[in-house]
Amino acid sequence: MATAPAPRWQRLDHDERRRQILTCARRLFSERSYDAVSTTDIAREAGVARGLLHHYFGTKRDLYLEVVRQLVRMPSNPVPLQAPGRGLQHVIAESVDRWLTMLERNRGTWLAAIATRGLGGSDPELEAILEEAREQAADRLIEALQTYEAAQAPAELRAVIHAYSGFAEAASIEWLERERLTRQQLQALLTKTFLSLVSDVLPAIQENR
């Protein structure tokens, strides 16, 4: 019987090795369910001994949580700012496009992660990671409006953007899982919805304080 080839060892520094393991784990968790991925699978994919994987990340669950944390971590400037020739519609459309690209590349991991919300946050650690990411995303979207600093934004604005976040997550399921929307349709839906919320819905809400 043929045997699997032995891992090809490479000398990498601590951070490079950690990134390598995370990249392999992220790919596997996106392709399969959590239960279908073993630490042996991840170690083989990364070309490392399983003990080294545990040394860097502890348990499979610890590694999975770090994969999700890295997945939803906001880059320093994820939402482009308005500039001459780049109005709000342009920058929101570009931001939505970047987000959809991330979802497309990490479909399985994303769907598994947001499933906790539908279960009432049955995984507190995972829900805490997602909630932190939602707050960061809200800050960046508020800054993209170039009307308020994130910390000084009215409560109604932050509430509207949080509601939009939940809408976007639900809409992503219609695209990725149920296939009722194409990517182009979803991009139009999310872009137009955000613009309508801040231009029409938010003023109506603020009038009823």
Protein backbone atom coordinates (compact mmCIF):
# COMPACT_ATOMS: atom_id res chain seq x y z
CA MET A 1 0.00 0.00 0.00
CA ALA A 2 1.22 3.50 -0.79
CA THR A 3 1.99 5.64 2.21
CA ALA A 4 1.52 9.39 2.54
CA PRO A 5 4.72 11.35 1.92
CA ALA A 6 6.47 12.59 5.02
CA PRO A 7 6.12 16.34 5.72
CA ARG A 8 8.75 18.49 4.09
CA TRP A 9 10.35 20.38 6.95
CA GLN A 10 11.31 24.00 6.56
CA ARG A 11 13.17 26.23 8.93
CA LEU A 12 10.93 29.15 9.75
CA ASP A 13 11.05 31.69 12.54
CA HIS A 14 8.33 31.70 15.20
CA ASP A 15 6.01 34.21 13.51
CA GLU A 16 6.39 32.68 10.06
CA ARG A 17 5.65 29.20 11.37
CA ARG A 18 2.62 30.48 13.25
CA ARG A 19 1.30 32.20 10.13
CA GLN A 20 1.89 29.05 8.10
CA ILE A 21 -0.11 26.91 10.52
CA LEU A 22 -2.93 29.48 10.64
CA THR A 23 -3.09 29.66 6.85
CA CYS A 24 -3.39 25.88 6.55
CA ALA A 25 -5.95 25.65 9.35
CA ARG A 26 -8.00 28.46 7.84
CA ARG A 27 -8.09 26.67 4.49
CA LEU A 28 -9.14 23.35 6.02
CA PHE A 29 -11.81 24.85 8.29
CA SER A 30 -13.22 26.71 5.29
CA GLU A 31 -13.41 23.52 3.22
CA ARG A 32 -14.81 21.21 5.92
CA SER A 33 -16.83 21.38 9.11
CA TYR A 34 -15.05 21.84 12.43
CA ASP A 35 -15.61 18.22 13.43
CA ALA A 36 -14.26 16.95 10.11
CA VAL A 37 -10.86 18.62 10.61
CA SER A 38 -8.35 17.01 12.97
CA THR A 39 -5.12 18.38 14.36
CA THR A 40 -3.39 15.60 12.41
CA ASP A 41 -4.92 16.98 9.19
CA ILE A 42 -3.74 20.49 10.00
CA ALA A 43 -0.24 19.35 10.99
CA ARG A 44 0.09 17.33 7.78
CA GLU A 45 -1.10 20.25 5.66
CA ALA A 46 1.35 22.61 7.38
CA GLY A 47 4.22 20.09 7.21
CA VAL A 48 4.83 20.12 10.96
CA ALA A 49 4.65 17.61 13.78
CA ARG A 50 1.32 17.61 15.64
CA GLY A 51 3.17 18.39 18.87
CA LEU A 52 4.47 21.62 17.35
CA LEU A 53 0.95 22.61 16.40
CA HIS A 54 -0.14 22.14 20.04
CA HIS A 55 2.92 24.07 21.18
CA TYR A 56 1.87 27.11 19.15
CA PHE A 57 -1.90 27.02 19.67
CA GLY A 58 -2.87 24.52 22.39
CA THR A 59 -6.03 22.61 21.49
CA LYS A 60 -7.87 22.38 18.18
CA ARG A 61 -10.54 24.66 19.62
CA ASP A 62 -7.94 27.28 20.55
CA LEU A 63 -6.60 27.13 17.01
CA TYR A 64 -10.10 27.41 15.54
CA LEU A 65 -10.89 30.48 17.64
CA GLU A 66 -7.67 32.10 16.47
CA VAL A 67 -8.58 31.31 12.86
CA VAL A 68 -11.93 33.08 13.32
CA ARG A 69 -10.25 35.98 15.14
CA GLN A 70 -7.82 36.46 12.26
CA LEU A 71 -10.63 36.09 9.73
CA VAL A 72 -12.79 38.89 11.14
CA ARG A 73 -9.99 41.16 12.35
CA MET A 74 -10.38 44.55 10.74
CA PRO A 75 -7.36 45.89 8.83
CA SER A 76 -6.23 49.41 9.70
CA ASN A 77 -8.23 50.97 6.85
CA PRO A 78 -10.79 48.44 5.58
CA VAL A 79 -13.24 51.10 4.44
CA PRO A 80 -11.79 53.61 1.96
CA LEU A 81 -12.51 57.24 2.80
CA GLN A 82 -14.31 59.74 0.64
CA ALA A 83 -12.14 61.91 -1.58
CA PRO A 84 -12.60 64.01 -4.73
CA GLY A 85 -14.21 61.71 -7.27
CA ARG A 86 -14.85 59.07 -4.60
CA GLY A 87 -18.14 59.81 -2.91
CA LEU A 88 -19.90 57.73 -0.27
CA GLN A 89 -21.53 55.37 -2.77
CA HIS A 90 -18.13 54.55 -4.29
CA VAL A 91 -16.37 53.87 -1.00
CA ILE A 92 -19.22 51.77 0.42
CA ALA A 93 -19.40 49.72 -2.79
CA GLU A 94 -15.64 49.13 -2.58
CA SER A 95 -15.90 48.18 1.10
CA VAL A 96 -18.72 45.72 0.40
CA ASP A 97 -16.71 44.20 -2.44
CA ARG A 98 -13.73 43.61 -0.14
CA TRP A 99 -15.99 42.00 2.46
CA LEU A 100 -17.60 39.69 -0.08
CA THR A 101 -14.18 38.62 -1.34
CA MET A 102 -13.24 37.66 2.22
CA LEU A 103 -16.47 35.65 2.60
CA GLU A 104 -15.97 33.89 -0.72
CA ARG A 105 -12.46 32.79 0.24
CA ASN A 106 -13.53 31.59 3.69
CA ARG A 107 -17.05 30.35 3.06
CA GLY A 108 -17.13 27.37 5.42
CA THR A 109 -15.43 29.10 8.34
CA TRP A 110 -17.66 32.16 8.02
CA LEU A 111 -20.93 30.21 7.86
CA ALA A 112 -19.95 28.09 10.85
CA ALA A 113 -18.93 31.15 12.87
CA ILE A 114 -22.08 33.21 12.31
CA ALA A 115 -24.28 30.19 13.00
CA THR A 116 -23.74 30.92 16.72
CA ARG A 117 -25.89 34.05 16.43
CA GLY A 118 -28.80 31.99 15.15
CA LEU A 119 -28.36 29.73 18.17
CA GLY A 120 -28.56 32.63 20.57
CA GLY A 121 -24.82 32.90 21.01
CA SER A 122 -24.44 29.35 22.29
CA ASP A 123 -20.65 29.66 22.07
CA PRO A 124 -19.77 32.66 24.26
CA GLU A 125 -16.09 32.81 23.26
CA LEU A 126 -16.86 32.74 19.56
CA GLU A 127 -19.68 35.24 19.94
CA ALA A 128 -17.33 37.61 21.84
CA ILE A 129 -14.85 37.49 18.93
CA LEU A 130 -17.61 38.27 16.42
CA GLU A 131 -19.07 41.05 18.56
CA GLU A 132 -15.69 42.76 18.82
CA ALA A 133 -15.37 42.58 15.04
CA ARG A 134 -18.84 44.09 14.61
CA GLU A 135 -17.90 47.02 16.85
CA GLN A 136 -14.73 47.62 14.86
CA ALA A 137 -16.64 47.44 11.58
CA ALA A 138 -19.19 49.93 12.94
CA ASP A 139 -16.37 52.34 13.85
CA ARG A 140 -14.90 52.15 10.35
CA LEU A 141 -18.27 52.68 8.66
CA ILE A 142 -18.98 55.69 10.89
CA GLU A 143 -15.60 57.14 9.96
CA ALA A 144 -16.34 56.57 6.25
CA LEU A 145 -19.34 58.91 6.57
CA GLN A 146 -16.89 61.67 7.57
CA THR A 147 -19.53 63.27 9.79
CA TYR A 148 -18.52 62.06 13.26
CA GLU A 149 -15.57 60.56 15.02
CA ALA A 150 -16.53 57.00 15.90
CA ALA A 151 -16.44 57.67 19.65
CA GLN A 152 -18.73 60.73 19.29
CA ALA A 153 -21.29 59.20 16.94
CA PRO A 154 -24.95 59.45 18.05
CA ALA A 155 -26.38 56.31 19.60
CA GLU A 156 -28.98 56.08 16.82
CA LEU A 157 -26.27 55.97 14.14
CA ARG A 158 -24.41 53.17 15.86
CA ALA A 159 -27.66 51.28 16.37
CA VAL A 160 -28.55 51.59 12.68
CA ILE A 161 -25.10 50.34 11.64
CA HIS A 162 -25.33 47.40 14.04
CA ALA A 163 -28.72 46.54 12.55
CA TYR A 164 -27.11 46.75 9.10
CA SER A 165 -24.40 44.35 10.26
CA GLY A 166 -27.01 41.76 11.24
CA PHE A 167 -28.77 42.29 7.91
CA ALA A 168 -25.49 41.81 6.01
CA GLU A 169 -24.76 38.56 7.87
CA ALA A 170 -28.23 37.19 7.09
CA ALA A 171 -27.94 38.27 3.46
CA SER A 172 -24.57 36.51 3.16
CA ILE A 173 -26.32 33.21 3.98
CA GLU A 174 -28.76 33.82 1.12
CA TRP A 175 -25.75 34.04 -1.19
CA LEU A 176 -23.28 31.52 0.18
CA GLU A 177 -25.57 28.78 1.45
CA ARG A 178 -29.04 29.11 -0.06
CA GLU A 179 -27.84 30.52 -3.41
CA ARG A 180 -30.88 32.76 -3.75
CA LEU A 181 -28.68 35.74 -4.61
CA THR A 182 -25.65 36.13 -6.84
CA ARG A 183 -22.60 38.00 -5.60
CA GLN A 184 -23.48 40.94 -7.85
CA GLN A 185 -27.03 41.05 -6.50
CA LEU A 186 -25.79 40.89 -2.92
CA GLN A 187 -23.30 43.68 -3.52
CA ALA A 188 -26.06 45.89 -4.92
CA LEU A 189 -28.37 44.98 -2.01
CA LEU A 190 -25.80 45.78 0.68
CA THR A 191 -24.54 48.97 -0.95
CA LYS A 192 -27.97 50.45 -1.65
CA THR A 193 -29.31 49.40 1.76
CA PHE A 194 -26.49 51.13 3.63
CA LEU A 195 -26.89 54.33 1.61
CA SER A 196 -30.65 54.33 2.19
CA LEU A 197 -30.23 53.74 5.92
CA VAL A 198 -27.93 56.72 6.45
CA SER A 199 -29.69 59.10 4.03
CA ASP A 200 -33.36 58.30 4.67
CA VAL A 201 -33.90 55.99 7.64
CA LEU A 202 -31.50 57.56 10.13
CA PRO A 203 -32.97 61.11 9.82
CA ALA A 204 -36.47 59.69 10.30
CA ILE A 205 -35.33 57.90 13.45
CA GLN A 206 -33.63 61.01 14.83
CA GLU A 207 -36.79 63.05 14.28
CA ASN A 208 -38.59 60.75 16.72
CA ARG A 209 -36.28 61.15 19.69
